[in-house]
Amino acid sequence: MTAPTTRVTELPTTWMREHLHEALAIYGRAMGYGDSVVAGRYGYAVQHTERQGFRAVGAFASGPDGEHLVGFGYGYLVAPGQWWHDQVRHALDRRTAKRWLPGGFEVCELHVDPDHQSQGLGRQLLHALVRDLPYPAALLSTPDADTKAFRLYRADGFVDLARNHHFPGDARPFAILGARLPLGTQA
């Protein structure tokens, strides 16, 4: 018996659109969201694929039954008028917003199926997603707790832009984080 192998690759936008249900099922399992939250996310995810600078990556595990998606990430150029941008803009002080938001790349989604976590896939996906981007910074929000994801972002140079932020529709506090690109450069 051979151990399953995993590959991380950039995904064409058309592939991502065609496989959003599969990707969002991973999102639901990774975030602990129920089916109704996942179903409600679908329309937004389709819209995200149309945004300037959209980029997606996927992690595929192969085994005896073939290859299947076990993780994904996507993002795009953040801009005024986008829900996340506007929420974050109000959460940040003026100086921080001016320094980080213009020209930033929002890591909108980055999730690994719980059965495939703790194998380095999150880091591989993150690095593949932001590799060679022409933007000054990567921005994201993540639950404000000591999670695997939070520790991953910290280890890869993300710094606090805001903590204990509450987005509408989710009772959990979130941290808003940013990192200068390429990853590993000073904030």
N, C-alpha and C. Protein backbone atom coordinates (compact mmCIF):
# COMPACT_ATOMS: atom_id res chain seq x y z
N MET A 1 0.83 -1.18 0.00
CA MET A 1 0.00 0.00 0.00
C MET A 1 0.88 1.24 0.00
N THR A 2 0.56 2.19 -0.85
CA THR A 2 1.33 3.43 -0.89
C THR A 2 0.57 4.54 -0.18
N ALA A 3 1.33 5.45 0.40
CA ALA A 3 0.71 6.58 1.08
C ALA A 3 0.16 7.56 0.05
N PRO A 4 -0.98 8.19 0.35
CA PRO A 4 -1.52 9.16 -0.60
C PRO A 4 -0.56 10.35 -0.75
N THR A 5 -0.54 10.92 -1.93
CA THR A 5 0.28 12.10 -2.17
C THR A 5 -0.64 13.30 -2.38
N THR A 6 -0.08 14.47 -2.14
CA THR A 6 -0.86 15.69 -2.28
C THR A 6 -0.08 16.67 -3.13
N ARG A 7 -0.78 17.36 -4.02
CA ARG A 7 -0.15 18.40 -4.81
C ARG A 7 -0.95 19.70 -4.64
N VAL A 8 -0.25 20.82 -4.71
CA VAL A 8 -0.86 22.14 -4.62
C VAL A 8 -0.61 22.83 -5.95
N THR A 9 -1.66 23.40 -6.52
CA THR A 9 -1.55 24.02 -7.83
C THR A 9 -2.48 25.22 -7.95
N GLU A 10 -2.13 26.13 -8.84
CA GLU A 10 -3.03 27.25 -9.14
C GLU A 10 -4.20 26.71 -9.95
N LEU A 11 -5.38 27.27 -9.70
CA LEU A 11 -6.59 26.80 -10.36
C LEU A 11 -7.12 27.85 -11.33
N PRO A 12 -7.48 27.45 -12.53
CA PRO A 12 -8.13 28.40 -13.44
C PRO A 12 -9.46 28.86 -12.83
N THR A 13 -9.83 30.09 -13.12
CA THR A 13 -11.09 30.64 -12.59
C THR A 13 -12.28 29.78 -13.00
N THR A 14 -12.29 29.29 -14.23
CA THR A 14 -13.42 28.45 -14.68
C THR A 14 -13.50 27.17 -13.86
N TRP A 15 -12.36 26.56 -13.53
CA TRP A 15 -12.37 25.35 -12.71
C TRP A 15 -12.97 25.67 -11.34
N MET A 16 -12.53 26.79 -10.77
CA MET A 16 -13.02 27.16 -9.44
C MET A 16 -14.53 27.35 -9.45
N ARG A 17 -15.04 28.04 -10.47
CA ARG A 17 -16.50 28.23 -10.57
C ARG A 17 -17.24 26.89 -10.66
N GLU A 18 -16.69 25.98 -11.45
CA GLU A 18 -17.35 24.68 -11.64
C GLU A 18 -17.29 23.78 -10.40
N HIS A 19 -16.35 24.06 -9.49
CA HIS A 19 -16.16 23.21 -8.31
C HIS A 19 -16.40 23.95 -6.99
N LEU A 20 -17.16 25.04 -7.05
CA LEU A 20 -17.40 25.82 -5.83
C LEU A 20 -18.13 25.02 -4.76
N HIS A 21 -19.08 24.19 -5.14
CA HIS A 21 -19.80 23.41 -4.13
C HIS A 21 -18.83 22.50 -3.37
N GLU A 22 -17.92 21.88 -4.08
CA GLU A 22 -16.92 21.00 -3.48
C GLU A 22 -16.01 21.79 -2.54
N ALA A 23 -15.55 22.95 -3.01
CA ALA A 23 -14.67 23.79 -2.19
C ALA A 23 -15.41 24.31 -0.95
N LEU A 24 -16.64 24.74 -1.14
CA LEU A 24 -17.38 25.30 0.00
C LEU A 24 -17.76 24.24 1.03
N ALA A 25 -17.85 23.00 0.62
CA ALA A 25 -18.06 21.92 1.60
C ALA A 25 -16.85 21.84 2.52
N ILE A 26 -15.65 22.00 1.96
CA ILE A 26 -14.43 22.03 2.77
C ILE A 26 -14.46 23.24 3.70
N TYR A 27 -14.84 24.38 3.17
CA TYR A 27 -14.99 25.61 3.97
C TYR A 27 -15.90 25.36 5.18
N GLY A 28 -17.04 24.73 4.95
CA GLY A 28 -17.98 24.46 6.03
C GLY A 28 -17.40 23.55 7.10
N ARG A 29 -16.74 22.49 6.68
CA ARG A 29 -16.14 21.56 7.65
C ARG A 29 -15.00 22.23 8.42
N ALA A 30 -14.17 22.99 7.71
CA ALA A 30 -13.02 23.63 8.36
C ALA A 30 -13.45 24.72 9.35
N MET A 31 -14.50 25.45 9.02
CA MET A 31 -14.95 26.56 9.87
C MET A 31 -16.02 26.14 10.89
N GLY A 32 -16.53 24.94 10.74
CA GLY A 32 -17.57 24.48 11.65
C GLY A 32 -18.93 25.11 11.37
N TYR A 33 -19.17 25.48 10.11
CA TYR A 33 -20.44 26.08 9.72
C TYR A 33 -21.40 25.01 9.25
N GLY A 34 -22.67 25.24 9.49
CA GLY A 34 -23.71 24.33 9.05
C GLY A 34 -24.02 24.49 7.57
N ASP A 35 -24.85 23.58 7.06
CA ASP A 35 -25.18 23.56 5.64
C ASP A 35 -25.82 24.85 5.16
N SER A 36 -26.65 25.49 5.99
CA SER A 36 -27.33 26.72 5.54
C SER A 36 -26.33 27.86 5.35
N VAL A 37 -25.33 27.95 6.20
CA VAL A 37 -24.30 28.99 6.06
C VAL A 37 -23.49 28.73 4.78
N VAL A 38 -23.13 27.47 4.56
CA VAL A 38 -22.36 27.11 3.38
C VAL A 38 -23.17 27.42 2.11
N ALA A 39 -24.43 27.04 2.10
CA ALA A 39 -25.28 27.30 0.93
C ALA A 39 -25.41 28.80 0.66
N GLY A 40 -25.51 29.59 1.73
CA GLY A 40 -25.62 31.03 1.57
C GLY A 40 -24.35 31.67 1.05
N ARG A 41 -23.25 31.00 1.19
CA ARG A 41 -21.95 31.54 0.75
C ARG A 41 -21.73 31.38 -0.74
N TYR A 42 -22.45 30.46 -1.37
CA TYR A 42 -22.22 30.13 -2.77
C TYR A 42 -22.32 31.35 -3.70
N GLY A 43 -23.38 32.11 -3.60
CA GLY A 43 -23.57 33.27 -4.48
C GLY A 43 -22.45 34.29 -4.33
N TYR A 44 -22.01 34.50 -3.10
CA TYR A 44 -20.89 35.43 -2.87
C TYR A 44 -19.62 34.91 -3.51
N ALA A 45 -19.38 33.61 -3.37
CA ALA A 45 -18.17 33.02 -3.93
C ALA A 45 -18.15 33.15 -5.45
N VAL A 46 -19.28 32.97 -6.09
CA VAL A 46 -19.35 33.15 -7.55
C VAL A 46 -18.97 34.59 -7.89
N GLN A 47 -19.51 35.56 -7.16
CA GLN A 47 -19.17 36.97 -7.40
C GLN A 47 -17.69 37.22 -7.18
N HIS A 48 -17.10 36.59 -6.20
CA HIS A 48 -15.67 36.78 -5.93
C HIS A 48 -14.81 36.40 -7.13
N THR A 49 -15.23 35.36 -7.87
CA THR A 49 -14.43 34.91 -9.02
C THR A 49 -14.38 35.96 -10.12
N GLU A 50 -15.25 36.95 -10.06
CA GLU A 50 -15.30 38.00 -11.08
C GLU A 50 -14.51 39.25 -10.68
N ARG A 51 -13.93 39.26 -9.51
CA ARG A 51 -13.23 40.44 -9.02
C ARG A 51 -11.82 40.56 -9.61
N GLN A 52 -11.38 41.81 -9.70
CA GLN A 52 -10.05 42.09 -10.25
C GLN A 52 -8.98 41.37 -9.42
N GLY A 53 -8.06 40.76 -10.12
CA GLY A 53 -6.94 40.08 -9.46
C GLY A 53 -7.29 38.73 -8.88
N PHE A 54 -8.46 38.17 -9.21
CA PHE A 54 -8.87 36.88 -8.64
C PHE A 54 -7.82 35.82 -8.94
N ARG A 55 -7.50 35.06 -7.90
CA ARG A 55 -6.55 33.96 -8.01
C ARG A 55 -7.00 32.86 -7.06
N ALA A 56 -6.89 31.60 -7.51
CA ALA A 56 -7.29 30.47 -6.68
C ALA A 56 -6.22 29.38 -6.74
N VAL A 57 -6.11 28.65 -5.65
CA VAL A 57 -5.21 27.50 -5.57
C VAL A 57 -5.96 26.34 -4.92
N GLY A 58 -5.50 25.14 -5.20
CA GLY A 58 -6.12 23.96 -4.62
C GLY A 58 -5.09 22.93 -4.21
N ALA A 59 -5.45 22.15 -3.21
CA ALA A 59 -4.63 21.02 -2.77
C ALA A 59 -5.42 19.75 -3.11
N PHE A 60 -4.78 18.84 -3.81
CA PHE A 60 -5.42 17.61 -4.25
C PHE A 60 -4.68 16.41 -3.69
N ALA A 61 -5.41 15.54 -3.04
CA ALA A 61 -4.83 14.30 -2.52
C ALA A 61 -5.15 13.19 -3.52
N SER A 62 -4.16 12.35 -3.75
CA SER A 62 -4.40 11.21 -4.63
C SER A 62 -4.20 9.93 -3.83
N GLY A 63 -5.01 9.00 -4.14
CA GLY A 63 -4.96 7.71 -3.47
C GLY A 63 -5.55 6.67 -4.41
N PRO A 64 -5.89 5.53 -3.87
CA PRO A 64 -6.41 4.44 -4.70
C PRO A 64 -7.68 4.81 -5.46
N ASP A 65 -8.47 5.75 -4.92
CA ASP A 65 -9.74 6.12 -5.57
C ASP A 65 -9.60 7.34 -6.47
N GLY A 66 -8.38 7.76 -6.76
CA GLY A 66 -8.17 8.91 -7.64
C GLY A 66 -7.78 10.15 -6.85
N GLU A 67 -7.92 11.28 -7.49
CA GLU A 67 -7.51 12.56 -6.90
C GLU A 67 -8.75 13.36 -6.50
N HIS A 68 -8.69 14.01 -5.32
CA HIS A 68 -9.81 14.84 -4.90
C HIS A 68 -9.32 16.07 -4.14
N LEU A 69 -10.11 17.13 -4.18
CA LEU A 69 -9.79 18.39 -3.52
C LEU A 69 -9.84 18.23 -2.01
N VAL A 70 -8.77 18.64 -1.33
CA VAL A 70 -8.73 18.56 0.14
C VAL A 70 -8.45 19.92 0.77
N GLY A 71 -8.21 20.92 -0.05
CA GLY A 71 -7.97 22.27 0.46
C GLY A 71 -7.98 23.25 -0.68
N PHE A 72 -8.28 24.50 -0.36
CA PHE A 72 -8.30 25.52 -1.40
C PHE A 72 -8.10 26.88 -0.77
N GLY A 73 -7.77 27.81 -1.61
CA GLY A 73 -7.67 29.20 -1.19
C GLY A 73 -7.94 30.08 -2.39
N TYR A 74 -8.48 31.26 -2.12
CA TYR A 74 -8.61 32.23 -3.19
C TYR A 74 -8.63 33.63 -2.62
N GLY A 75 -8.38 34.58 -3.49
CA GLY A 75 -8.38 35.97 -3.09
C GLY A 75 -8.41 36.86 -4.31
N TYR A 76 -8.37 38.16 -4.05
CA TYR A 76 -8.47 39.15 -5.12
C TYR A 76 -8.04 40.50 -4.57
N LEU A 77 -7.95 41.45 -5.45
CA LEU A 77 -7.58 42.81 -5.08
C LEU A 77 -8.72 43.43 -4.28
N VAL A 78 -8.41 43.91 -3.09
CA VAL A 78 -9.41 44.51 -2.22
C VAL A 78 -9.71 45.93 -2.73
N ALA A 79 -10.99 46.33 -2.67
CA ALA A 79 -11.35 47.65 -3.19
C ALA A 79 -12.56 48.20 -2.44
N PRO A 80 -12.66 49.53 -2.35
CA PRO A 80 -13.83 50.14 -1.73
C PRO A 80 -15.10 49.66 -2.41
N GLY A 81 -16.14 49.47 -1.61
CA GLY A 81 -17.42 48.97 -2.11
C GLY A 81 -17.58 47.47 -1.93
N GLN A 82 -16.49 46.76 -1.70
CA GLN A 82 -16.58 45.34 -1.39
C GLN A 82 -16.93 45.21 0.09
N TRP A 83 -17.77 44.25 0.42
CA TRP A 83 -18.26 44.10 1.78
C TRP A 83 -17.10 44.00 2.77
N TRP A 84 -16.15 43.09 2.52
CA TRP A 84 -15.05 42.89 3.47
C TRP A 84 -14.22 44.15 3.60
N HIS A 85 -13.85 44.76 2.49
CA HIS A 85 -13.06 46.00 2.54
C HIS A 85 -13.76 47.04 3.40
N ASP A 86 -15.03 47.25 3.19
CA ASP A 86 -15.74 48.30 3.91
C ASP A 86 -15.87 47.97 5.40
N GLN A 87 -16.08 46.70 5.73
CA GLN A 87 -16.13 46.30 7.14
C GLN A 87 -14.78 46.55 7.81
N VAL A 88 -13.72 46.14 7.12
CA VAL A 88 -12.37 46.28 7.68
C VAL A 88 -11.98 47.75 7.76
N ARG A 89 -12.34 48.52 6.76
CA ARG A 89 -12.01 49.96 6.77
C ARG A 89 -12.56 50.62 8.02
N HIS A 90 -13.76 50.26 8.42
CA HIS A 90 -14.37 50.85 9.62
C HIS A 90 -13.77 50.29 10.91
N ALA A 91 -13.16 49.13 10.83
CA ALA A 91 -12.54 48.52 12.02
C ALA A 91 -11.15 49.07 12.29
N LEU A 92 -10.51 49.63 11.26
CA LEU A 92 -9.14 50.12 11.38
C LEU A 92 -9.11 51.62 11.64
N ASP A 93 -8.07 52.07 12.34
CA ASP A 93 -7.90 53.52 12.44
C ASP A 93 -7.45 54.03 11.07
N ARG A 94 -7.60 55.32 10.85
CA ARG A 94 -7.34 55.93 9.54
C ARG A 94 -5.92 55.64 9.04
N ARG A 95 -4.95 55.78 9.90
CA ARG A 95 -3.55 55.58 9.49
C ARG A 95 -3.29 54.14 9.06
N THR A 96 -3.80 53.19 9.83
CA THR A 96 -3.61 51.78 9.49
C THR A 96 -4.32 51.44 8.18
N ALA A 97 -5.53 51.93 8.01
CA ALA A 97 -6.27 51.68 6.77
C ALA A 97 -5.52 52.24 5.57
N LYS A 98 -5.01 53.45 5.70
CA LYS A 98 -4.29 54.10 4.60
C LYS A 98 -3.00 53.33 4.26
N ARG A 99 -2.38 52.76 5.26
CA ARG A 99 -1.12 52.04 5.06
C ARG A 99 -1.33 50.65 4.45
N TRP A 100 -2.44 50.00 4.78
CA TRP A 100 -2.60 48.60 4.41
C TRP A 100 -3.61 48.32 3.30
N LEU A 101 -4.70 49.05 3.24
CA LEU A 101 -5.76 48.66 2.31
C LEU A 101 -5.49 48.96 0.84
N PRO A 102 -4.97 50.13 0.47
CA PRO A 102 -4.80 50.41 -0.96
C PRO A 102 -3.88 49.39 -1.65
N GLY A 103 -4.40 48.78 -2.68
CA GLY A 103 -3.61 47.82 -3.45
C GLY A 103 -3.39 46.49 -2.77
N GLY A 104 -4.08 46.22 -1.66
CA GLY A 104 -3.90 44.97 -0.93
C GLY A 104 -4.65 43.81 -1.58
N PHE A 105 -4.14 42.62 -1.35
CA PHE A 105 -4.75 41.39 -1.83
C PHE A 105 -5.45 40.72 -0.66
N GLU A 106 -6.74 40.54 -0.78
CA GLU A 106 -7.50 39.87 0.29
C GLU A 106 -7.42 38.36 0.11
N VAL A 107 -6.86 37.68 1.10
CA VAL A 107 -6.94 36.23 1.15
C VAL A 107 -8.34 35.95 1.69
N CYS A 108 -9.26 35.79 0.77
CA CYS A 108 -10.68 35.69 1.14
C CYS A 108 -11.00 34.34 1.79
N GLU A 109 -10.52 33.29 1.19
CA GLU A 109 -10.75 31.94 1.73
C GLU A 109 -9.46 31.15 1.67
N LEU A 110 -9.18 30.40 2.72
CA LEU A 110 -8.05 29.48 2.76
C LEU A 110 -8.42 28.39 3.75
N HIS A 111 -8.73 27.21 3.24
CA HIS A 111 -9.26 26.15 4.10
C HIS A 111 -8.71 24.78 3.69
N VAL A 112 -8.44 23.98 4.70
CA VAL A 112 -8.02 22.59 4.49
C VAL A 112 -9.01 21.71 5.22
N ASP A 113 -9.45 20.67 4.55
CA ASP A 113 -10.37 19.73 5.18
C ASP A 113 -9.76 19.23 6.49
N PRO A 114 -10.56 19.17 7.56
CA PRO A 114 -10.01 18.76 8.86
C PRO A 114 -9.24 17.44 8.83
N ASP A 115 -9.64 16.51 7.97
CA ASP A 115 -8.93 15.22 7.88
C ASP A 115 -7.53 15.36 7.27
N HIS A 116 -7.22 16.52 6.69
CA HIS A 116 -5.93 16.72 6.03
C HIS A 116 -5.13 17.87 6.64
N GLN A 117 -5.59 18.35 7.79
CA GLN A 117 -4.87 19.43 8.46
C GLN A 117 -3.64 18.89 9.18
N SER A 118 -2.78 19.81 9.60
CA SER A 118 -1.54 19.50 10.32
C SER A 118 -0.55 18.71 9.47
N GLN A 119 -0.61 18.92 8.16
CA GLN A 119 0.33 18.28 7.24
C GLN A 119 1.07 19.32 6.40
N GLY A 120 0.91 20.60 6.74
CA GLY A 120 1.58 21.66 6.00
C GLY A 120 0.84 22.17 4.79
N LEU A 121 -0.36 21.67 4.54
CA LEU A 121 -1.10 22.09 3.35
C LEU A 121 -1.56 23.54 3.43
N GLY A 122 -1.95 24.00 4.60
CA GLY A 122 -2.37 25.40 4.75
C GLY A 122 -1.25 26.34 4.34
N ARG A 123 -0.05 26.06 4.81
CA ARG A 123 1.11 26.90 4.47
C ARG A 123 1.41 26.82 2.98
N GLN A 124 1.37 25.62 2.41
CA GLN A 124 1.61 25.48 0.97
C GLN A 124 0.58 26.26 0.16
N LEU A 125 -0.68 26.16 0.56
CA LEU A 125 -1.74 26.89 -0.14
C LEU A 125 -1.53 28.40 -0.03
N LEU A 126 -1.25 28.88 1.18
CA LEU A 126 -1.04 30.31 1.39
C LEU A 126 0.10 30.83 0.52
N HIS A 127 1.22 30.13 0.55
CA HIS A 127 2.38 30.58 -0.22
C HIS A 127 2.12 30.52 -1.73
N ALA A 128 1.43 29.48 -2.19
CA ALA A 128 1.09 29.39 -3.61
C ALA A 128 0.14 30.51 -4.01
N LEU A 129 -0.79 30.85 -3.13
CA LEU A 129 -1.77 31.88 -3.44
C LEU A 129 -1.14 33.26 -3.60
N VAL A 130 -0.19 33.60 -2.77
CA VAL A 130 0.37 34.96 -2.79
C VAL A 130 1.71 35.04 -3.54
N ARG A 131 2.21 33.93 -4.01
CA ARG A 131 3.51 33.92 -4.72
C ARG A 131 3.45 34.82 -5.95
N ASP A 132 4.46 35.70 -6.04
CA ASP A 132 4.66 36.57 -7.21
C ASP A 132 3.52 37.55 -7.48
N LEU A 133 2.70 37.83 -6.48
CA LEU A 133 1.64 38.83 -6.69
C LEU A 133 2.25 40.22 -6.81
N PRO A 134 1.65 41.08 -7.62
CA PRO A 134 2.17 42.45 -7.79
C PRO A 134 1.62 43.44 -6.77
N TYR A 135 1.13 42.95 -5.64
CA TYR A 135 0.50 43.80 -4.63
C TYR A 135 1.43 43.97 -3.43
N PRO A 136 1.28 45.07 -2.69
CA PRO A 136 2.19 45.32 -1.57
C PRO A 136 1.91 44.48 -0.33
N ALA A 137 0.67 44.01 -0.18
CA ALA A 137 0.32 43.33 1.07
C ALA A 137 -0.77 42.30 0.84
N ALA A 138 -0.80 41.31 1.73
CA ALA A 138 -1.89 40.35 1.81
C ALA A 138 -2.64 40.64 3.11
N LEU A 139 -3.95 40.60 3.04
CA LEU A 139 -4.82 40.90 4.17
C LEU A 139 -5.81 39.76 4.35
N LEU A 140 -6.22 39.53 5.59
CA LEU A 140 -7.20 38.48 5.84
C LEU A 140 -7.83 38.68 7.20
N SER A 141 -8.90 37.95 7.42
CA SER A 141 -9.50 37.88 8.75
C SER A 141 -9.63 36.41 9.11
N THR A 142 -9.47 36.14 10.40
CA THR A 142 -9.51 34.78 10.90
C THR A 142 -10.08 34.82 12.32
N PRO A 143 -10.75 33.77 12.76
CA PRO A 143 -11.24 33.79 14.13
C PRO A 143 -10.13 34.18 15.10
N ASP A 144 -10.46 35.07 16.01
CA ASP A 144 -9.50 35.63 16.97
C ASP A 144 -9.36 34.67 18.15
N ALA A 145 -8.63 33.59 17.90
CA ALA A 145 -8.42 32.55 18.91
C ALA A 145 -7.14 31.81 18.56
N ASP A 146 -6.63 31.05 19.50
CA ASP A 146 -5.40 30.30 19.29
C ASP A 146 -5.72 29.05 18.47
N THR A 147 -5.85 29.25 17.16
CA THR A 147 -6.17 28.15 16.25
C THR A 147 -4.96 27.82 15.39
N LYS A 148 -5.03 26.70 14.69
CA LYS A 148 -3.96 26.33 13.75
C LYS A 148 -3.79 27.43 12.71
N ALA A 149 -4.90 27.94 12.20
CA ALA A 149 -4.83 28.98 11.16
C ALA A 149 -4.16 30.24 11.70
N PHE A 150 -4.56 30.67 12.89
CA PHE A 150 -3.97 31.88 13.47
C PHE A 150 -2.46 31.70 13.65
N ARG A 151 -2.06 30.55 14.15
CA ARG A 151 -0.63 30.29 14.34
C ARG A 151 0.11 30.24 13.01
N LEU A 152 -0.51 29.70 11.98
CA LEU A 152 0.09 29.67 10.65
C LEU A 152 0.35 31.09 10.16
N TYR A 153 -0.67 31.94 10.24
CA TYR A 153 -0.51 33.31 9.74
C TYR A 153 0.57 34.06 10.51
N ARG A 154 0.59 33.90 11.80
CA ARG A 154 1.62 34.55 12.62
C ARG A 154 3.02 34.09 12.21
N ALA A 155 3.17 32.79 12.04
CA ALA A 155 4.48 32.23 11.68
C ALA A 155 4.94 32.73 10.31
N ASP A 156 4.00 33.09 9.46
CA ASP A 156 4.35 33.56 8.12
C ASP A 156 4.38 35.08 8.01
N GLY A 157 4.43 35.77 9.16
CA GLY A 157 4.67 37.21 9.14
C GLY A 157 3.46 38.11 9.20
N PHE A 158 2.28 37.56 9.36
CA PHE A 158 1.10 38.41 9.47
C PHE A 158 1.08 39.09 10.84
N VAL A 159 0.71 40.36 10.83
CA VAL A 159 0.66 41.17 12.06
C VAL A 159 -0.78 41.65 12.29
N ASP A 160 -1.04 42.02 13.53
CA ASP A 160 -2.37 42.52 13.89
C ASP A 160 -2.65 43.87 13.25
N LEU A 161 -3.79 43.98 12.61
CA LEU A 161 -4.30 45.27 12.17
C LEU A 161 -5.48 45.66 13.07
N ALA A 162 -6.25 44.66 13.49
CA ALA A 162 -7.34 44.86 14.45
C ALA A 162 -7.64 43.51 15.09
N ARG A 163 -8.05 43.54 16.33
CA ARG A 163 -8.41 42.32 17.05
C ARG A 163 -9.82 42.48 17.59
N ASN A 164 -10.43 41.35 17.90
CA ASN A 164 -11.75 41.31 18.52
C ASN A 164 -12.80 42.06 17.69
N HIS A 165 -12.71 41.90 16.37
CA HIS A 165 -13.68 42.55 15.48
C HIS A 165 -14.84 41.58 15.23
N HIS A 166 -16.04 42.09 15.24
CA HIS A 166 -17.23 41.27 14.98
C HIS A 166 -17.82 41.63 13.63
N PHE A 167 -17.82 40.65 12.73
CA PHE A 167 -18.46 40.82 11.43
C PHE A 167 -19.94 40.48 11.59
N PRO A 168 -20.82 41.19 10.88
CA PRO A 168 -22.24 40.85 10.94
C PRO A 168 -22.47 39.39 10.53
N GLY A 169 -23.31 38.70 11.26
CA GLY A 169 -23.66 37.33 10.92
C GLY A 169 -22.80 36.27 11.57
N ASP A 170 -21.79 36.67 12.35
CA ASP A 170 -20.95 35.67 13.03
C ASP A 170 -20.67 36.20 14.43
N ALA A 171 -21.02 35.42 15.44
CA ALA A 171 -20.88 35.87 16.83
C ALA A 171 -19.43 35.84 17.30
N ARG A 172 -18.58 35.12 16.59
CA ARG A 172 -17.18 34.99 17.03
C ARG A 172 -16.40 36.27 16.75
N PRO A 173 -15.45 36.61 17.62
CA PRO A 173 -14.54 37.72 17.31
C PRO A 173 -13.51 37.28 16.26
N PHE A 174 -13.13 38.22 15.42
CA PHE A 174 -12.14 37.95 14.38
C PHE A 174 -10.95 38.88 14.54
N ALA A 175 -9.79 38.40 14.12
CA ALA A 175 -8.59 39.22 14.00
C ALA A 175 -8.44 39.60 12.54
N ILE A 176 -8.07 40.83 12.29
CA ILE A 176 -7.76 41.29 10.94
C ILE A 176 -6.25 41.41 10.88
N LEU A 177 -5.64 40.67 9.96
CA LEU A 177 -4.19 40.55 9.89
C LEU A 177 -3.68 41.00 8.52
N GLY A 178 -2.44 41.44 8.50
CA GLY A 178 -1.81 41.83 7.24
C GLY A 178 -0.36 41.42 7.22
N ALA A 179 0.15 41.16 6.02
CA ALA A 179 1.57 40.83 5.83
C ALA A 179 2.04 41.52 4.56
N ARG A 180 3.24 42.06 4.62
CA ARG A 180 3.86 42.63 3.43
C ARG A 180 4.27 41.50 2.50
N LEU A 181 4.13 41.76 1.21
CA LEU A 181 4.51 40.78 0.19
C LEU A 181 5.84 41.19 -0.44
N PRO A 182 6.67 40.22 -0.79
CA PRO A 182 6.45 38.79 -0.60
C PRO A 182 6.49 38.42 0.88
N LEU A 183 5.87 37.29 1.21
CA LEU A 183 5.84 36.85 2.60
C LEU A 183 7.26 36.79 3.14
N GLY A 184 7.37 37.20 4.40
CA GLY A 184 8.68 37.20 5.05
C GLY A 184 9.33 38.56 5.07
N THR A 185 8.72 39.57 4.38
CA THR A 185 9.28 40.91 4.41
C THR A 185 8.71 41.65 5.62
N GLN A 186 9.36 42.72 6.02
CA GLN A 186 8.97 43.48 7.22
C GLN A 186 7.64 44.18 7.02
N ALA A 187 6.87 44.27 8.10
CA ALA A 187 5.59 44.97 8.06
C ALA A 187 5.86 46.39 8.09
